């Protein structure tokens, strides 16, 4: 076996981890935006403040989602390098 190549199991594990990172990041981003939207509705924010508030909620959701994806993949990579 070529020492530079990954086994089929390692490739499958990477695929599962990537999908897990993307799904959990998407759920987290959607949750952050949903909380922002719920606050806008609950507090009755309207007019000129509504759009920037929702835009900030979407940006925050995207940032939190990206953070989650990077965190999961970096953790997987460090464990893979340790041989776990």
N, C-alpha and C. Protein backbone atom coordinates (compact mmCIF):
# COMPACT_ATOMS: atom_id res chain seq x y z
N UNK A 1 0.83 -1.18 0.00
CA UNK A 1 0.00 0.00 0.00
C UNK A 1 0.87 1.24 0.00
N UNK A 2 0.46 2.24 -0.73
CA UNK A 2 1.19 3.49 -0.82
C UNK A 2 1.03 4.27 0.48
N UNK A 3 2.13 4.64 1.12
CA UNK A 3 2.08 5.31 2.42
C UNK A 3 1.50 6.72 2.34
N UNK A 4 1.52 7.33 1.17
CA UNK A 4 1.02 8.69 1.02
C UNK A 4 -0.49 8.75 0.78
N UNK A 5 -1.10 7.64 0.59
CA UNK A 5 -2.53 7.61 0.27
C UNK A 5 -3.37 7.30 1.50
N UNK A 6 -4.58 7.82 1.47
CA UNK A 6 -5.51 7.54 2.56
C UNK A 6 -6.33 6.32 2.22
N UNK A 7 -6.71 5.59 3.25
CA UNK A 7 -7.54 4.43 3.03
C UNK A 7 -8.97 4.86 2.72
N UNK A 8 -9.75 3.91 2.25
CA UNK A 8 -11.16 4.19 1.96
C UNK A 8 -11.89 4.62 3.22
N UNK A 9 -11.56 3.99 4.34
CA UNK A 9 -12.19 4.34 5.62
C UNK A 9 -11.90 5.79 5.99
N UNK A 10 -10.66 6.23 5.79
CA UNK A 10 -10.28 7.61 6.10
C UNK A 10 -11.02 8.61 5.21
N UNK A 11 -11.17 8.26 3.94
CA UNK A 11 -11.91 9.14 3.03
C UNK A 11 -13.38 9.22 3.44
N UNK A 12 -13.96 8.09 3.81
CA UNK A 12 -15.35 8.08 4.26
C UNK A 12 -15.51 8.89 5.54
N UNK A 13 -14.56 8.76 6.45
CA UNK A 13 -14.61 9.52 7.71
C UNK A 13 -14.53 11.01 7.43
N UNK A 14 -13.69 11.41 6.49
CA UNK A 14 -13.59 12.83 6.12
C UNK A 14 -14.89 13.34 5.52
N UNK A 15 -15.49 12.54 4.66
CA UNK A 15 -16.76 12.93 4.04
C UNK A 15 -17.85 13.10 5.08
N UNK A 16 -17.94 12.17 6.01
CA UNK A 16 -18.94 12.26 7.07
C UNK A 16 -18.69 13.49 7.92
N UNK A 17 -17.45 13.78 8.23
CA UNK A 17 -17.13 14.94 9.06
C UNK A 17 -17.44 16.25 8.34
N UNK A 18 -17.18 16.32 7.06
CA UNK A 18 -17.50 17.51 6.28
C UNK A 18 -19.00 17.74 6.25
N UNK A 19 -19.76 16.67 6.01
CA UNK A 19 -21.22 16.80 5.98
C UNK A 19 -21.73 17.21 7.37
N UNK A 20 -21.18 16.61 8.42
CA UNK A 20 -21.58 16.97 9.78
C UNK A 20 -21.28 18.45 10.04
N UNK A 21 -20.12 18.91 9.63
CA UNK A 21 -19.75 20.32 9.85
C UNK A 21 -20.70 21.24 9.11
N UNK A 22 -21.03 20.92 7.87
CA UNK A 22 -21.92 21.77 7.09
C UNK A 22 -23.34 21.78 7.63
N UNK A 23 -23.84 20.62 8.03
CA UNK A 23 -25.21 20.54 8.55
C UNK A 23 -25.32 21.29 9.88
N UNK A 24 -24.38 21.04 10.79
CA UNK A 24 -24.47 21.72 12.08
C UNK A 24 -24.24 23.22 11.94
N UNK A 25 -23.37 23.62 11.02
CA UNK A 25 -23.15 25.05 10.79
C UNK A 25 -24.41 25.70 10.21
N UNK A 26 -25.08 25.02 9.31
CA UNK A 26 -26.32 25.55 8.73
C UNK A 26 -27.42 25.67 9.78
N UNK A 27 -27.55 24.65 10.61
CA UNK A 27 -28.58 24.69 11.66
C UNK A 27 -28.28 25.82 12.65
N UNK A 28 -27.04 25.98 13.03
CA UNK A 28 -26.67 27.03 13.96
C UNK A 28 -26.90 28.41 13.35
N UNK A 29 -26.52 28.59 12.09
CA UNK A 29 -26.74 29.88 11.42
C UNK A 29 -28.23 30.19 11.32
N UNK A 30 -29.02 29.21 10.96
CA UNK A 30 -30.47 29.41 10.86
C UNK A 30 -31.07 29.72 12.22
N UNK A 31 -30.57 29.10 13.27
CA UNK A 31 -31.07 29.36 14.61
C UNK A 31 -30.76 30.78 15.05
N UNK A 32 -29.55 31.24 14.78
CA UNK A 32 -29.19 32.62 15.13
C UNK A 32 -30.08 33.61 14.38
N UNK A 33 -30.30 33.38 13.11
CA UNK A 33 -31.17 34.28 12.35
C UNK A 33 -32.61 34.20 12.86
N UNK A 34 -33.08 33.00 13.18
CA UNK A 34 -34.45 32.83 13.68
C UNK A 34 -34.64 33.58 15.01
N UNK A 35 -33.65 33.53 15.87
CA UNK A 35 -33.73 34.27 17.13
C UNK A 35 -33.79 35.77 16.85
N UNK A 36 -32.99 36.24 15.94
CA UNK A 36 -33.02 37.65 15.56
C UNK A 36 -34.38 38.03 15.00
N UNK A 37 -34.91 37.21 14.13
CA UNK A 37 -36.22 37.48 13.54
C UNK A 37 -37.30 37.48 14.61
N UNK A 38 -37.23 36.52 15.53
CA UNK A 38 -38.22 36.45 16.61
C UNK A 38 -38.16 37.69 17.49
N UNK A 39 -36.96 38.19 17.75
CA UNK A 39 -36.83 39.41 18.53
C UNK A 39 -37.41 40.62 17.79
N UNK A 40 -37.18 40.67 16.49
CA UNK A 40 -37.74 41.78 15.69
C UNK A 40 -39.26 41.74 15.77
N UNK A 41 -39.84 40.57 15.64
CA UNK A 41 -41.29 40.44 15.69
C UNK A 41 -41.81 40.72 17.10
N UNK A 42 -41.16 40.13 18.11
CA UNK A 42 -41.61 40.27 19.49
C UNK A 42 -41.51 41.71 19.99
N UNK A 43 -40.45 42.38 19.60
CA UNK A 43 -40.27 43.76 20.05
C UNK A 43 -40.97 44.78 19.15
N UNK A 44 -41.53 44.29 18.07
CA UNK A 44 -42.26 45.18 17.17
C UNK A 44 -41.38 46.17 16.43
N UNK A 45 -40.16 45.76 16.13
CA UNK A 45 -39.25 46.65 15.41
C UNK A 45 -39.74 46.78 13.97
N UNK A 46 -39.94 48.00 13.54
CA UNK A 46 -40.43 48.23 12.18
C UNK A 46 -39.77 49.48 11.62
N UNK A 47 -40.14 49.79 10.42
CA UNK A 47 -39.61 50.99 9.79
C UNK A 47 -38.15 50.85 9.41
N UNK A 48 -37.40 51.94 9.59
CA UNK A 48 -36.00 51.94 9.13
C UNK A 48 -35.07 51.03 9.94
N UNK A 49 -35.47 50.62 11.13
CA UNK A 49 -34.60 49.77 11.96
C UNK A 49 -34.74 48.28 11.64
N UNK A 50 -35.82 47.90 10.98
CA UNK A 50 -36.09 46.47 10.74
C UNK A 50 -35.06 45.84 9.79
N UNK A 51 -34.83 46.47 8.67
CA UNK A 51 -33.92 45.89 7.67
C UNK A 51 -32.48 45.75 8.19
N UNK A 52 -31.89 46.80 8.79
CA UNK A 52 -30.53 46.62 9.31
C UNK A 52 -30.44 45.58 10.42
N UNK A 53 -31.48 45.47 11.24
CA UNK A 53 -31.46 44.47 12.31
C UNK A 53 -31.46 43.06 11.72
N UNK A 54 -32.30 42.83 10.73
CA UNK A 54 -32.34 41.51 10.10
C UNK A 54 -31.05 41.24 9.32
N UNK A 55 -30.48 42.26 8.71
CA UNK A 55 -29.22 42.10 8.00
C UNK A 55 -28.10 41.72 8.97
N UNK A 56 -28.07 42.39 10.11
CA UNK A 56 -27.07 42.04 11.13
C UNK A 56 -27.29 40.63 11.66
N UNK A 57 -28.55 40.22 11.82
CA UNK A 57 -28.84 38.86 12.26
C UNK A 57 -28.36 37.83 11.24
N UNK A 58 -28.56 38.13 9.97
CA UNK A 58 -28.10 37.22 8.92
C UNK A 58 -26.57 37.15 8.88
N UNK A 59 -25.92 38.31 9.03
CA UNK A 59 -24.45 38.34 9.02
C UNK A 59 -23.89 37.60 10.24
N UNK A 60 -24.51 37.81 11.39
CA UNK A 60 -24.08 37.12 12.60
C UNK A 60 -24.29 35.61 12.46
N UNK A 61 -25.42 35.22 11.88
CA UNK A 61 -25.68 33.81 11.65
C UNK A 61 -24.65 33.18 10.73
N UNK A 62 -24.30 33.90 9.67
CA UNK A 62 -23.29 33.39 8.73
C UNK A 62 -21.92 33.27 9.41
N UNK A 63 -21.58 34.26 10.23
CA UNK A 63 -20.29 34.21 10.93
C UNK A 63 -20.24 33.05 11.93
N UNK A 64 -21.32 32.87 12.68
CA UNK A 64 -21.37 31.77 13.65
C UNK A 64 -21.34 30.42 12.92
N UNK A 65 -22.04 30.32 11.81
CA UNK A 65 -22.03 29.09 11.03
C UNK A 65 -20.64 28.77 10.48
N UNK A 66 -19.96 29.78 9.97
CA UNK A 66 -18.60 29.57 9.46
C UNK A 66 -17.66 29.17 10.59
N UNK A 67 -17.81 29.81 11.75
CA UNK A 67 -16.99 29.46 12.91
C UNK A 67 -17.20 28.00 13.29
N UNK A 68 -18.44 27.57 13.29
CA UNK A 68 -18.76 26.18 13.66
C UNK A 68 -18.13 25.20 12.67
N UNK A 69 -18.26 25.47 11.38
CA UNK A 69 -17.71 24.57 10.38
C UNK A 69 -16.19 24.47 10.51
N UNK A 70 -15.53 25.60 10.67
CA UNK A 70 -14.07 25.60 10.81
C UNK A 70 -13.65 24.87 12.08
N UNK A 71 -14.37 25.10 13.17
CA UNK A 71 -14.04 24.46 14.44
C UNK A 71 -14.15 22.94 14.34
N UNK A 72 -15.24 22.45 13.74
CA UNK A 72 -15.43 21.01 13.61
C UNK A 72 -14.34 20.40 12.73
N UNK A 73 -14.04 21.03 11.61
CA UNK A 73 -13.05 20.47 10.70
C UNK A 73 -11.63 20.54 11.26
N UNK A 74 -11.31 21.60 11.98
CA UNK A 74 -9.97 21.68 12.59
C UNK A 74 -9.81 20.64 13.69
N UNK A 75 -10.88 20.42 14.47
CA UNK A 75 -10.83 19.41 15.52
C UNK A 75 -10.64 18.02 14.90
N UNK A 76 -11.36 17.76 13.81
CA UNK A 76 -11.21 16.47 13.13
C UNK A 76 -9.79 16.30 12.60
N UNK A 77 -9.24 17.36 12.01
CA UNK A 77 -7.89 17.28 11.46
C UNK A 77 -6.86 17.03 12.55
N UNK A 78 -7.01 17.71 13.68
CA UNK A 78 -6.02 17.50 14.75
C UNK A 78 -6.12 16.09 15.32
N UNK A 79 -7.34 15.56 15.43
CA UNK A 79 -7.49 14.18 15.91
C UNK A 79 -6.95 13.19 14.89
N UNK A 80 -7.14 13.47 13.60
CA UNK A 80 -6.63 12.60 12.56
C UNK A 80 -5.11 12.57 12.56
N UNK A 81 -4.50 13.74 12.81
CA UNK A 81 -3.04 13.80 12.84
C UNK A 81 -2.45 13.07 14.05
N UNK A 82 -3.21 13.06 15.14
CA UNK A 82 -2.77 12.34 16.34
C UNK A 82 -2.94 10.83 16.18
N UNK A 83 -3.76 10.42 15.21
CA UNK A 83 -3.96 9.01 14.98
C UNK A 83 -5.18 8.43 15.65
N UNK A 84 -6.10 9.29 16.09
CA UNK A 84 -7.33 8.82 16.76
C UNK A 84 -8.38 8.48 15.77
